[in-house]
C-alpha atoms as a PDB file:
ATOM      1  CA  MET A   1      51.758-144.411 114.905  1.00  0.00           C
ATOM      2  CA  SER A   2      53.016-142.318 112.084  1.00  0.00           C
ATOM      3  CA  GLY A   3      50.903-140.237 109.772  1.00  0.00           C
ATOM      4  CA  GLN A   4      47.723-139.838 110.498  1.00  0.00           C
ATOM      5  CA  TRP A   5      46.925-142.052 112.903  1.00  0.00           C
ATOM      6  CA  ALA A   6      49.377-140.083 115.408  1.00  0.00           C
ATOM      7  CA  GLY A   7      47.840-139.675 118.392  1.00  0.00           C
ATOM      8  CA  SER A   8      44.500-141.104 117.515  1.00  0.00           C
ATOM      9  CA  THR A   9      42.650-143.522 119.389  1.00  0.00           C
ATOM     10  CA  ARG A  10      40.311-145.061 116.566  1.00  0.00           C
ATOM     11  CA  ARG A  11      42.546-147.617 115.709  1.00  0.00           C
ATOM     12  CA  TYR A  12      41.754-149.198 119.195  1.00  0.00           C
ATOM     13  CA  GLU A  13      37.747-149.077 118.584  1.00  0.00           C
ATOM     14  CA  LEU A  14      38.298-151.141 115.273  1.00  0.00           C
ATOM     15  CA  PRO A  15      36.998-154.978 116.379  1.00  0.00           C
ATOM     16  CA  PRO A  16      39.970-157.456 116.030  1.00  0.00           C
ATOM     17  CA  ASP A  17      38.604-158.911 113.064  1.00  0.00           C
ATOM     18  CA  TRP A  18      38.965-155.622 110.931  1.00  0.00           C
ATOM     19  CA  PRO A  19      41.169-156.626 108.531  1.00  0.00           C
ATOM     20  CA  GLU A  20      38.927-159.561 107.237  1.00  0.00           C
ATOM     21  CA  LEU A  21      35.963-157.111 107.242  1.00  0.00           C
ATOM     22  CA  ARG A  22      38.312-154.188 105.401  1.00  0.00           C
ATOM     23  CA  ALA A  23      38.954-157.150 102.863  1.00  0.00           C
ATOM     24  CA  LEU A  24      35.239-158.102 102.876  1.00  0.00           C
ATOM     25  CA  VAL A  25      34.345-154.490 101.906  1.00  0.00           C
ATOM     26  CA  LEU A  26      36.750-154.249  99.304  1.00  0.00           C
ATOM     27  CA  ALA A  27      35.798-157.086  97.638  1.00  0.00           C
ATOM     28  CA  ARG A  28      32.194-156.850  97.828  1.00  0.00           C
ATOM     29  CA  ASP A  29      32.538-153.435  96.528  1.00  0.00           C
ATOM     30  CA  GLU A  30      34.685-154.685  93.370  1.00  0.00           C
ATOM     31  CA  GLN A  31      37.605-152.334  94.453  1.00  0.00           C
ATOM     32  CA  ARG A  32      36.121-149.378  93.255  1.00  0.00           C
ATOM     33  CA  CYS A  33      35.316-146.171  95.099  1.00  0.00           C
ATOM     34  CA  ARG A  34      31.578-146.079  96.456  1.00  0.00           C
ATOM     35  CA  TRP A  35      31.960-141.744  96.679  1.00  0.00           C
ATOM     36  CA  ARG A  36      28.523-140.510  95.179  1.00  0.00           C
ATOM     37  CA  GLU A  37      28.387-137.022  94.295  1.00  0.00           C
ATOM     38  CA  ASN A  38      25.453-135.366  91.970  1.00  0.00           C
ATOM     39  CA  GLY A  39      24.188-139.222  91.480  1.00  0.00           C
ATOM     40  CA  THR A  40      27.335-140.230  89.798  1.00  0.00           C
ATOM     41  CA  VAL A  41      29.507-142.676  91.734  1.00  0.00           C
ATOM     42  CA  CYS A  42      33.456-142.218  91.630  1.00  0.00           C
ATOM     43  CA  GLY A  43      35.004-145.701  90.687  1.00  0.00           C
ATOM     44  CA  ARG A  44      38.338-144.643  91.014  1.00  0.00           C
ATOM     45  CA  SER A  45      40.748-147.441  92.382  1.00  0.00           C
ATOM     46  CA  ALA A  46      39.507-147.689  96.520  1.00  0.00           C
ATOM     47  CA  THR A  47      42.314-148.335  99.356  1.00  0.00           C
ATOM     48  CA  ASP A  48      40.290-147.346 102.473  1.00  0.00           C
ATOM     49  CA  VAL A  49      37.412-148.816 103.884  1.00  0.00           C
ATOM     50  CA  ASP A  50      35.162-146.342 105.721  1.00  0.00           C
ATOM     51  CA  HIS A  51      32.097-146.303 108.339  1.00  0.00           C
ATOM     52  CA  ILE A  52      29.410-144.422 106.148  1.00  0.00           C
ATOM     53  CA  LYS A  53      27.565-143.333 109.584  1.00  0.00           C
ATOM     54  CA  PRO A  54      30.532-142.207 112.174  1.00  0.00           C
ATOM     55  CA  GLY A  55      30.650-144.224 115.331  1.00  0.00           C
ATOM     56  CA  THR A  56      31.164-147.913 116.479  1.00  0.00           C
ATOM     57  CA  ASN A  57      28.893-149.692 113.892  1.00  0.00           C
ATOM     58  CA  HIS A  58      31.467-152.063 112.256  1.00  0.00           C
ATOM     59  CA  SER A  59      28.731-153.901 110.101  1.00  0.00           C
ATOM     60  CA  LEU A  60      28.774-154.467 106.591  1.00  0.00           C
ATOM     61  CA  THR A  61      26.308-152.472 105.963  1.00  0.00           C
ATOM     62  CA  ASN A  62      27.827-149.861 107.195  1.00  0.00           C
ATOM     63  CA  LEU A  63      31.221-149.745 105.318  1.00  0.00           C
ATOM     64  CA  GLN A  64      31.970-148.583 102.364  1.00  0.00           C
ATOM     65  CA  ALA A  65      34.958-148.828  99.915  1.00  0.00           C
ATOM     66  CA  LEU A  66      36.389-145.309  99.291  1.00  0.00           C
ATOM     67  CA  CYS A  67      39.343-143.834  97.300  1.00  0.00           C
ATOM     68  CA  ARG A  68      42.174-141.933  99.380  1.00  0.00           C
ATOM     69  CA  ASP A  69      40.987-138.759  98.290  1.00  0.00           C
ATOM     70  CA  HIS A  70      37.268-138.977  99.461  1.00  0.00           C
ATOM     71  CA  HIS A  71      38.263-140.662 102.446  1.00  0.00           C
ATOM     72  CA  ALA A  72      40.174-137.673 103.149  1.00  0.00           C
ATOM     73  CA  ILE A  73      37.517-135.328 102.228  1.00  0.00           C
ATOM     74  CA  LYS A  74      34.680-137.485 104.075  1.00  0.00           C
ATOM     75  CA  SER A  75      37.185-137.135 107.219  1.00  0.00           C
ATOM     76  CA  SER A  76      37.661-133.567 107.188  1.00  0.00           C
ATOM     77  CA  ARG A  77      33.975-132.929 106.779  1.00  0.00           C
ATOM     78  CA  GLU A  78      33.436-135.170 110.062  1.00  0.00           C
ATOM     79  CA  GLY A  79      36.315-133.847 111.820  1.00  0.00           C
ATOM     80  CA  ASN A  80      35.256-130.336 110.892  1.00  0.00           C
ATOM     81  CA  ALA A  81      31.758-131.249 112.245  1.00  0.00           C
ATOM     82  CA  ALA A  82      32.597-132.648 115.637  1.00  0.00           C
ATOM     83  CA  PRO A  83      32.341-130.664 118.830  1.00  0.00           C
ATOM     84  CA  ARG A  84      35.818-128.938 119.632  1.00  0.00           C
ATOM     85  CA  VAL A  85      36.732-129.308 123.202  1.00  0.00           C
ATOM     86  CA  THR A  86      38.743-126.698 124.981  1.00  0.00           C
ATOM     87  CA  ARG A  87      41.347-126.936 127.122  1.00  0.00           C
ATOM     88  CA  TRP A  88      42.392-123.683 128.372  1.00  0.00           C
ATOM     89  CA  ARG A  89      44.086-123.308 131.333  1.00  0.00           C
ATOM     90  CA  PRO A  90      41.855-121.044 133.753  1.00  0.00           C
ATOM     91  CA  THR A  91      43.115-117.344 133.888  1.00  0.00           C
ATOM     92  CA  GLU A  92      45.795-116.981 136.778  1.00  0.00           C
ATOM     93  CA  ARG A  93      45.100-113.804 138.606  1.00  0.00           C
ATOM     94  CA  HIS A  94      48.530-111.328 138.749  1.00  0.00           C
ATOM     95  CA  PRO A  95      50.822-111.885 141.334  1.00  0.00           C
ATOM     96  CA  GLY A  96      50.640-108.209 142.504  1.00  0.00           C
ATOM     97  CA  LEU A  97      47.111-108.531 142.893  1.00  0.00           C
ATOM     98  CA  LEU A  98      46.737-111.388 145.551  1.00  0.00           C
END
């Protein structure tokens, strides 16, 4: 995988019929971004399908069409809000103190 999917396991969490679900959502949303801000819908050309609520609920009611820019903004916000997993090595004692 390359680009933004590099190192991600997200693709494996999608259902086998994801291409069909994606096409349905884009058609339902008329290929227009559904991002709402201050009561206004973006309406630009949608290229991505996003989960409204993060997780593995792939129902049509939890999916929306977004333009690339708004999908990036939403994904960034969700990533920044996610709990951090730190993988620090334990502090090693100095060899002279062993």
